[in-house]
């Protein structure tokens, strides 16, 4: 769709944007877009690192099966000794 855009097309698009927003609002607009991109990148990086930490903290399913314990039943607690 955008493969046929040439330099003239981009100049026309920039002129239309300049006419719509005005020269005084363009720096503020570009600054807010830059801040939004920075926030988005930092949040995606944080999500990826949280995912990596969660995978490291998650126990391996093969090691719990190898112990022979049944995961559905909790382990039995020892009975207190009676003094009689």
PDB file of N, CA and C in Angstrom:
ATOM      1  N   UNK A   1       0.816  -1.179   0.000  1.00  0.00           N
ATOM      2  CA  UNK A   1       0.000   0.000   0.000  1.00  0.00           C
ATOM      3  C   UNK A   1       0.868   1.255   0.000  1.00  0.00           C
ATOM      4  N   UNK A   2       1.915   1.275   0.837  1.00  0.00           N
ATOM      5  CA  UNK A   2       2.781   2.438   0.908  1.00  0.00           C
ATOM      6  C   UNK A   2       4.034   2.275   0.050  1.00  0.00           C
ATOM      7  N   UNK A   3       4.117   1.215  -0.728  1.00  0.00           N
ATOM      8  CA  UNK A   3       5.307   0.948  -1.522  1.00  0.00           C
ATOM      9  C   UNK A   3       5.495   1.964  -2.638  1.00  0.00           C
ATOM     10  N   UNK A   4       4.426   2.575  -3.109  1.00  0.00           N
ATOM     11  CA  UNK A   4       4.527   3.505  -4.226  1.00  0.00           C
ATOM     12  C   UNK A   4       4.715   4.947  -3.787  1.00  0.00           C
ATOM     13  N   UNK A   5       4.903   5.204  -2.496  1.00  0.00           N
ATOM     14  CA  UNK A   5       5.112   6.573  -2.027  1.00  0.00           C
ATOM     15  C   UNK A   5       6.510   7.045  -2.419  1.00  0.00           C
ATOM     16  N   UNK A   6       6.565   8.243  -2.954  1.00  0.00           N
ATOM     17  CA  UNK A   6       7.858   8.830  -3.317  1.00  0.00           C
ATOM     18  C   UNK A   6       8.123  10.016  -2.392  1.00  0.00           C
ATOM     19  N   UNK A   7       9.206  10.695  -2.641  1.00  0.00           N
ATOM     20  CA  UNK A   7       9.567  11.859  -1.844  1.00  0.00           C
ATOM     21  C   UNK A   7       8.541  12.974  -1.936  1.00  0.00           C
ATOM     22  N   UNK A   8       7.939  13.132  -3.109  1.00  0.00           N
ATOM     23  CA  UNK A   8       6.925  14.177  -3.289  1.00  0.00           C
ATOM     24  C   UNK A   8       5.689  13.898  -2.452  1.00  0.00           C
ATOM     25  N   UNK A   9       5.324  12.653  -2.365  1.00  0.00           N
ATOM     26  CA  UNK A   9       4.175  12.297  -1.543  1.00  0.00           C
ATOM     27  C   UNK A   9       4.415  12.652  -0.074  1.00  0.00           C
ATOM     28  N   UNK A  10       5.611  12.341   0.399  1.00  0.00           N
ATOM     29  CA  UNK A  10       5.934  12.633   1.798  1.00  0.00           C
ATOM     30  C   UNK A  10       5.960  14.140   2.060  1.00  0.00           C
ATOM     31  N   UNK A  11       6.452  14.917   1.100  1.00  0.00           N
ATOM     32  CA  UNK A  11       6.469  16.376   1.262  1.00  0.00           C
ATOM     33  C   UNK A  11       5.042  16.911   1.333  1.00  0.00           C
ATOM     34  N   UNK A  12       4.155  16.383   0.509  1.00  0.00           N
ATOM     35  CA  UNK A  12       2.756  16.820   0.519  1.00  0.00           C
ATOM     36  C   UNK A  12       2.097  16.443   1.842  1.00  0.00           C
ATOM     37  N   UNK A  13       2.360  15.252   2.329  1.00  0.00           N
ATOM     38  CA  UNK A  13       1.792  14.818   3.612  1.00  0.00           C
ATOM     39  C   UNK A  13       2.296  15.717   4.742  1.00  0.00           C
ATOM     40  N   UNK A  14       3.588  16.020   4.751  1.00  0.00           N
ATOM     41  CA  UNK A  14       4.133  16.903   5.786  1.00  0.00           C
ATOM     42  C   UNK A  14       3.531  18.302   5.700  1.00  0.00           C
ATOM     43  N   UNK A  15       3.292  18.800   4.493  1.00  0.00           N
ATOM     44  CA  UNK A  15       2.676  20.126   4.340  1.00  0.00           C
ATOM     45  C   UNK A  15       1.251  20.131   4.877  1.00  0.00           C
ATOM     46  N   UNK A  16       0.499  19.063   4.616  1.00  0.00           N
ATOM     47  CA  UNK A  16      -0.877  18.969   5.116  1.00  0.00           C
ATOM     48  C   UNK A  16      -0.877  18.912   6.646  1.00  0.00           C
ATOM     49  N   UNK A  17       0.035  18.148   7.227  1.00  0.00           N
ATOM     50  CA  UNK A  17       0.138  18.060   8.687  1.00  0.00           C
ATOM     51  C   UNK A  17       0.492  19.422   9.268  1.00  0.00           C
ATOM     52  N   UNK A  18       1.407  20.135   8.613  1.00  0.00           N
ATOM     53  CA  UNK A  18       1.788  21.466   9.084  1.00  0.00           C
ATOM     54  C   UNK A  18       0.608  22.424   9.022  1.00  0.00           C
ATOM     55  N   UNK A  19      -0.196  22.323   7.975  1.00  0.00           N
ATOM     56  CA  UNK A  19      -1.364  23.190   7.865  1.00  0.00           C
ATOM     57  C   UNK A  19      -2.432  22.843   8.901  1.00  0.00           C
ATOM     58  N   UNK A  20      -2.606  21.562   9.171  1.00  0.00           N
ATOM     59  CA  UNK A  20      -3.632  21.141  10.123  1.00  0.00           C
ATOM     60  C   UNK A  20      -3.275  21.516  11.564  1.00  0.00           C
ATOM     61  N   UNK A  21      -2.048  21.258  11.967  1.00  0.00           N
ATOM     62  CA  UNK A  21      -1.674  21.439  13.362  1.00  0.00           C
ATOM     63  C   UNK A  21      -0.998  22.773  13.640  1.00  0.00           C
ATOM     64  N   UNK A  22      -0.427  23.387  12.653  1.00  0.00           N
ATOM     65  CA  UNK A  22       0.266  24.647  12.865  1.00  0.00           C
ATOM     66  C   UNK A  22       1.680  24.420  13.362  1.00  0.00           C
ATOM     67  N   UNK A  23       2.541  25.389  13.134  1.00  0.00           N
ATOM     68  CA  UNK A  23       3.953  25.229  13.484  1.00  0.00           C
ATOM     69  C   UNK A  23       4.189  25.303  14.989  1.00  0.00           C
ATOM     70  N   UNK A  24       3.270  25.905  15.724  1.00  0.00           N
ATOM     71  CA  UNK A  24       3.477  26.014  17.175  1.00  0.00           C
ATOM     72  C   UNK A  24       3.124  24.723  17.903  1.00  0.00           C
ATOM     73  N   UNK A  25       2.220  23.918  17.371  1.00  0.00           N
ATOM     74  CA  UNK A  25       1.794  22.702  18.056  1.00  0.00           C
ATOM     75  C   UNK A  25       2.622  21.480  17.662  1.00  0.00           C
ATOM     76  N   UNK A  26       3.357  21.548  16.566  1.00  0.00           N
ATOM     77  CA  UNK A  26       4.112  20.375  16.114  1.00  0.00           C
ATOM     78  C   UNK A  26       5.196  19.934  17.098  1.00  0.00           C
ATOM     79  N   UNK A  27       5.993  20.828  17.699  1.00  0.00           N
ATOM     80  CA  UNK A  27       6.991  20.351  18.672  1.00  0.00           C
ATOM     81  C   UNK A  27       6.352  19.654  19.873  1.00  0.00           C
ATOM     82  N   UNK A  28       5.255  20.190  20.368  1.00  0.00           N
ATOM     83  CA  UNK A  28       4.584  19.560  21.509  1.00  0.00           C
ATOM     84  C   UNK A  28       3.994  18.215  21.115  1.00  0.00           C
ATOM     85  N   UNK A  29       3.468  18.143  19.904  1.00  0.00           N
ATOM     86  CA  UNK A  29       2.903  16.884  19.416  1.00  0.00           C
ATOM     87  C   UNK A  29       3.984  15.817  19.274  1.00  0.00           C
ATOM     88  N   UNK A  30       5.114  16.190  18.679  1.00  0.00           N
ATOM     89  CA  UNK A  30       6.196  15.218  18.516  1.00  0.00           C
ATOM     90  C   UNK A  30       6.788  14.819  19.868  1.00  0.00           C
ATOM     91  N   UNK A  31       6.846  15.755  20.818  1.00  0.00           N
ATOM     92  CA  UNK A  31       7.359  15.443  22.150  1.00  0.00           C
ATOM     93  C   UNK A  31       6.439  14.447  22.851  1.00  0.00           C
ATOM     94  N   UNK A  32       5.145  14.641  22.741  1.00  0.00           N
ATOM     95  CA  UNK A  32       4.213  13.721  23.401  1.00  0.00           C
ATOM     96  C   UNK A  32       4.239  12.348  22.738  1.00  0.00           C
ATOM     97  N   UNK A  33       4.414  12.301  21.438  1.00  0.00           N
ATOM     98  CA  UNK A  33       4.528  11.010  20.749  1.00  0.00           C
ATOM     99  C   UNK A  33       5.798  10.292  21.203  1.00  0.00           C
ATOM    100  N   UNK A  34       6.893  11.028  21.332  1.00  0.00           N
ATOM    101  CA  UNK A  34       8.144  10.432  21.806  1.00  0.00           C
ATOM    102  C   UNK A  34       8.031   9.891  23.219  1.00  0.00           C
ATOM    103  N   UNK A  35       7.378  10.646  24.100  1.00  0.00           N
ATOM    104  CA  UNK A  35       7.181  10.174  25.478  1.00  0.00           C
ATOM    105  C   UNK A  35       6.305   8.931  25.510  1.00  0.00           C
ATOM    106  N   UNK A  36       5.274   8.917  24.691  1.00  0.00           N
ATOM    107  CA  UNK A  36       4.386   7.750  24.642  1.00  0.00           C
ATOM    108  C   UNK A  36       5.138   6.521  24.156  1.00  0.00           C
ATOM    109  N   UNK A  37       5.997   6.700  23.160  1.00  0.00           N
ATOM    110  CA  UNK A  37       6.782   5.565  22.657  1.00  0.00           C
ATOM    111  C   UNK A  37       7.747   5.062  23.718  1.00  0.00           C
ATOM    112  N   UNK A  38       8.389   5.990  24.459  1.00  0.00           N
ATOM    113  CA  UNK A  38       9.306   5.585  25.516  1.00  0.00           C
ATOM    114  C   UNK A  38       8.587   4.799  26.603  1.00  0.00           C
ATOM    115  N   UNK A  39       7.416   5.265  27.001  1.00  0.00           N
ATOM    116  CA  UNK A  39       6.632   4.574  28.028  1.00  0.00           C
ATOM    117  C   UNK A  39       6.225   3.197  27.538  1.00  0.00           C
ATOM    118  N   UNK A  40       5.780   3.107  26.291  1.00  0.00           N
ATOM    119  CA  UNK A  40       5.366   1.819  25.723  1.00  0.00           C
ATOM    120  C   UNK A  40       6.530   0.845  25.698  1.00  0.00           C
ATOM    121  N   UNK A  41       7.705   1.303  25.275  1.00  0.00           N
ATOM    122  CA  UNK A  41       8.874   0.420  25.226  1.00  0.00           C
ATOM    123  C   UNK A  41       9.274  -0.052  26.621  1.00  0.00           C
ATOM    124  N   UNK A  42       9.252   0.860  27.590  1.00  0.00           N
ATOM    125  CA  UNK A  42       9.645   0.458  28.942  1.00  0.00           C
ATOM    126  C   UNK A  42       8.646  -0.530  29.533  1.00  0.00           C
ATOM    127  N   UNK A  43       7.361  -0.342  29.250  1.00  0.00           N
ATOM    128  CA  UNK A  43       6.355  -1.276  29.764  1.00  0.00           C
ATOM    129  C   UNK A  43       6.484  -2.645  29.113  1.00  0.00           C
ATOM    130  N   UNK A  44       6.747  -2.698  27.807  1.00  0.00           N
ATOM    131  CA  UNK A  44       6.914  -4.004  27.169  1.00  0.00           C
ATOM    132  C   UNK A  44       8.173  -4.694  27.670  1.00  0.00           C
ATOM    133  N   UNK A  45       9.229  -3.917  27.922  1.00  0.00           N
ATOM    134  CA  UNK A  45      10.459  -4.506  28.465  1.00  0.00           C
ATOM    135  C   UNK A  45      10.205  -5.057  29.865  1.00  0.00           C
ATOM    136  N   UNK A  46       9.423  -4.323  30.669  1.00  0.00           N
ATOM    137  CA  UNK A  46       9.095  -4.783  32.021  1.00  0.00           C
ATOM    138  C   UNK A  46       8.246  -6.045  31.976  1.00  0.00           C
ATOM    139  N   UNK A  47       7.304  -6.110  31.035  1.00  0.00           N
ATOM    140  CA  UNK A  47       6.473  -7.312  30.909  1.00  0.00           C
ATOM    141  C   UNK A  47       7.313  -8.515  30.516  1.00  0.00           C
ATOM    142  N   UNK A  48       8.264  -8.316  29.613  1.00  0.00           N
ATOM    143  CA  UNK A  48       9.130  -9.427  29.195  1.00  0.00           C
ATOM    144  C   UNK A  48       9.998  -9.902  30.344  1.00  0.00           C
ATOM    145  N   UNK A  49      10.526  -8.973  31.138  1.00  0.00           N
ATOM    146  CA  UNK A  49      11.369  -9.380  32.267  1.00  0.00           C
ATOM    147  C   UNK A  49      10.532 -10.063  33.349  1.00  0.00           C
ATOM    148  N   UNK A  50       9.296  -9.598  33.567  1.00  0.00           N
ATOM    149  CA  UNK A  50       8.410 -10.255  34.526  1.00  0.00           C
ATOM    150  C   UNK A  50       8.088 -11.672  34.075  1.00  0.00           C
ATOM    151  N   UNK A  51       7.888 -11.841  32.771  1.00  0.00           N
ATOM    152  CA  UNK A  51       7.617 -13.169  32.222  1.00  0.00           C
ATOM    153  C   UNK A  51       8.803 -14.089  32.431  1.00  0.00           C
ATOM    154  N   UNK A  52      10.007 -13.568  32.216  1.00  0.00           N
ATOM    155  CA  UNK A  52      11.211 -14.372  32.390  1.00  0.00           C
ATOM    156  C   UNK A  52      11.385 -14.767  33.853  1.00  0.00           C
ATOM    157  N   UNK A  53      11.121 -13.847  34.776  1.00  0.00           N
ATOM    158  CA  UNK A  53      11.229 -14.169  36.202  1.00  0.00           C
ATOM    159  C   UNK A  53      10.179 -15.197  36.608  1.00  0.00           C
ATOM    160  N   UNK A  54       8.983 -15.111  36.046  1.00  0.00           N
ATOM    161  CA  UNK A  54       7.923 -16.060  36.380  1.00  0.00           C
ATOM    162  C   UNK A  54       8.280 -17.453  35.875  1.00  0.00           C
ATOM    163  N   UNK A  55       8.900 -17.526  34.701  1.00  0.00           N
ATOM    164  CA  UNK A  55       9.287 -18.838  34.167  1.00  0.00           C
ATOM    165  C   UNK A  55      10.400 -19.453  34.995  1.00  0.00           C
ATOM    166  N   UNK A  56      11.312 -18.629  35.508  1.00  0.00           N
ATOM    167  CA  UNK A  56      12.392 -19.161  36.338  1.00  0.00           C
ATOM    168  C   UNK A  56      11.870 -19.609  37.692  1.00  0.00           C
ATOM    169  N   UNK A  57      10.868 -18.922  38.218  1.00  0.00           N
ATOM    170  CA  UNK A  57      10.332 -19.264  39.534  1.00  0.00           C
ATOM    171  C   UNK A  57       9.405 -20.473  39.475  1.00  0.00           C
ATOM    172  N   UNK A  58       8.826 -20.726  38.324  1.00  0.00           N
ATOM    173  CA  UNK A  58       7.903 -21.847  38.173  1.00  0.00           C
ATOM    174  C   UNK A  58       8.688 -23.162  38.250  1.00  0.00           C
ATOM    175  N   UNK A  59       8.267 -24.094  39.113  1.00  0.00           N
ATOM    176  CA  UNK A  59       8.985 -25.370  39.217  1.00  0.00           C
ATOM    177  C   UNK A  59       8.793 -26.204  37.967  1.00  0.00           C
ATOM    178  N   UNK A  60       9.780 -27.025  37.708  1.00  0.00           N
ATOM    179  CA  UNK A  60       9.722 -27.905  36.539  1.00  0.00           C
ATOM    180  C   UNK A  60       8.725 -29.020  36.810  1.00  0.00           C
ATOM    181  N   UNK A  61       7.835 -29.277  35.881  1.00  0.00           N
ATOM    182  CA  UNK A  61       6.772 -30.271  36.086  1.00  0.00           C
ATOM    183  C   UNK A  61       7.332 -31.683  36.160  1.00  0.00           C
ATOM    184  N   UNK A  62       8.464 -31.964  35.520  1.00  0.00           N
ATOM    185  CA  UNK A  62       9.017 -33.317  35.550  1.00  0.00           C
ATOM    186  C   UNK A  62       9.623 -33.636  36.905  1.00  0.00           C
ATOM    187  N   UNK A  63      10.146 -32.632  37.618  1.00  0.00           N
ATOM    188  CA  UNK A  63      10.755 -32.919  38.919  1.00  0.00           C
ATOM    189  C   UNK A  63       9.697 -33.248  39.967  1.00  0.00           C
ATOM    190  N   UNK A  64       8.511 -32.643  39.901  1.00  0.00           N
ATOM    191  CA  UNK A  64       7.478 -32.955  40.881  1.00  0.00           C
ATOM    192  C   UNK A  64       6.869 -34.325  40.612  1.00  0.00           C
ATOM    193  N   UNK A  65       6.803 -34.743  39.358  1.00  0.00           N
ATOM    194  CA  UNK A  65       6.290 -36.071  39.039  1.00  0.00           C
ATOM    195  C   UNK A  65       7.296 -37.151  39.413  1.00  0.00           C
ATOM    196  N   UNK A  66       8.579 -36.848  39.355  1.00  0.00           N
ATOM    197  CA  UNK A  66       9.603 -37.839  39.644  1.00  0.00           C
ATOM    198  C   UNK A  66       9.651 -38.170  41.135  1.00  0.00           C
ATOM    199  N   UNK A  67       9.161 -37.299  42.000  1.00  0.00           N
ATOM    200  CA  UNK A  67       9.217 -37.564  43.426  1.00  0.00           C
ATOM    201  C   UNK A  67       8.216 -38.632  43.847  1.00  0.00           C
ATOM    202  N   UNK A  68       7.216 -38.863  43.027  1.00  0.00           N
ATOM    203  CA  UNK A  68       6.245 -39.890  43.320  1.00  0.00           C
ATOM    204  C   UNK A  68       5.102 -39.410  44.175  1.00  0.00           C
ATOM    205  N   UNK A  69       5.129 -38.163  44.604  1.00  0.00           N
ATOM    206  CA  UNK A  69       4.068 -37.630  45.438  1.00  0.00           C
ATOM    207  C   UNK A  69       2.846 -37.281  44.607  1.00  0.00           C
ATOM    208  N   UNK A  70       1.681 -37.424  45.234  1.00  0.00           N
ATOM    209  CA  UNK A  70       0.440 -37.078  44.563  1.00  0.00           C
ATOM    210  C   UNK A  70       0.178 -35.604  44.809  1.00  0.00           C
ATOM    211  N   UNK A  71       0.028 -34.832  43.745  1.00  0.00           N
ATOM    212  CA  UNK A  71      -0.156 -33.399  43.897  1.00  0.00           C
ATOM    213  C   UNK A  71      -1.567 -33.050  44.354  1.00  0.00           C
ATOM    214  N   UNK A  72      -2.521 -33.953  44.218  1.00  0.00           N
ATOM    215  CA  UNK A  72      -3.904 -33.658  44.575  1.00  0.00           C
ATOM    216  C   UNK A  72      -4.131 -33.749  46.078  1.00  0.00           C
ATOM    217  N   UNK A  73      -3.364 -34.586  46.779  1.00  0.00           N
ATOM    218  CA  UNK A  73      -3.554 -34.733  48.220  1.00  0.00           C
ATOM    219  C   UNK A  73      -2.416 -34.039  48.951  1.00  0.00           C
ATOM    220  N   UNK A  74      -2.736 -33.280  49.999  1.00  0.00           N
ATOM    221  CA  UNK A  74      -1.671 -32.610  50.755  1.00  0.00           C
ATOM    222  C   UNK A  74      -0.923 -33.621  51.614  1.00  0.00           C
ATOM    223  N   UNK A  75       0.312 -33.330  51.978  1.00  0.00           N
ATOM    224  CA  UNK A  75       1.061 -34.258  52.838  1.00  0.00           C
ATOM    225  C   UNK A  75       0.440 -34.311  54.225  1.00  0.00           C
ATOM    226  N   UNK A  76       0.556 -35.482  54.865  1.00  0.00           N
ATOM    227  CA  UNK A  76      -0.021 -35.668  56.194  1.00  0.00           C
ATOM    228  C   UNK A  76       0.868 -35.017  57.233  1.00  0.00           C
ATOM    229  N   UNK A  77       0.209 -34.394  58.216  1.00  0.00           N
ATOM    230  CA  UNK A  77       0.956 -33.771  59.297  1.00  0.00           C
ATOM    231  C   UNK A  77       1.169 -34.804  60.399  1.00  0.00           C
ATOM    232  N   UNK A  78       2.302 -34.764  61.077  1.00  0.00           N
ATOM    233  CA  UNK A  78       2.544 -35.732  62.156  1.00  0.00           C
ATOM    234  C   UNK A  78       1.643 -35.431  63.351  1.00  0.00           C
ATOM    235  N   UNK A  79       1.221 -36.498  64.037  1.00  0.00           N
ATOM    236  CA  UNK A  79       0.355 -36.365  65.214  1.00  0.00           C
ATOM    237  C   UNK A  79       1.192 -35.963  66.416  1.00  0.00           C
ATOM    238  N   UNK A  80       0.634 -35.119  67.262  1.00  0.00           N
ATOM    239  CA  UNK A  80       1.386 -34.777  68.482  1.00  0.00           C
ATOM    240  C   UNK A  80       1.418 -35.988  69.437  1.00  0.00           C
ATOM    241  N   UNK A  81       2.478 -36.103  70.171  1.00  0.00           N
ATOM    242  CA  UNK A  81       2.633 -37.235  71.099  1.00  0.00           C
ATOM    243  C   UNK A  81       1.712 -37.026  72.299  1.00  0.00           C
ATOM    244  N   UNK A  82       1.041 -38.113  72.704  1.00  0.00           N
ATOM    245  CA  UNK A  82       0.146 -38.011  73.861  1.00  0.00           C
ATOM    246  C   UNK A  82       0.926 -38.335  75.129  1.00  0.00           C
ATOM    247  N   UNK A  83       0.561 -37.719  76.231  1.00  0.00           N
ATOM    248  CA  UNK A  83       1.253 -37.908  77.508  1.00  0.00           C
ATOM    249  C   UNK A  83       0.585 -38.963  78.379  1.00  0.00           C
ATOM    250  N   UNK A  84      -0.227 -39.834  77.913  1.00  0.00           N
ATOM    251  CA  UNK A  84      -0.865 -40.817  78.744  1.00  0.00           C
ATOM    252  C   UNK A  84      -0.126 -42.105  78.827  1.00  0.00           C
TER     253      UNK A  84
END
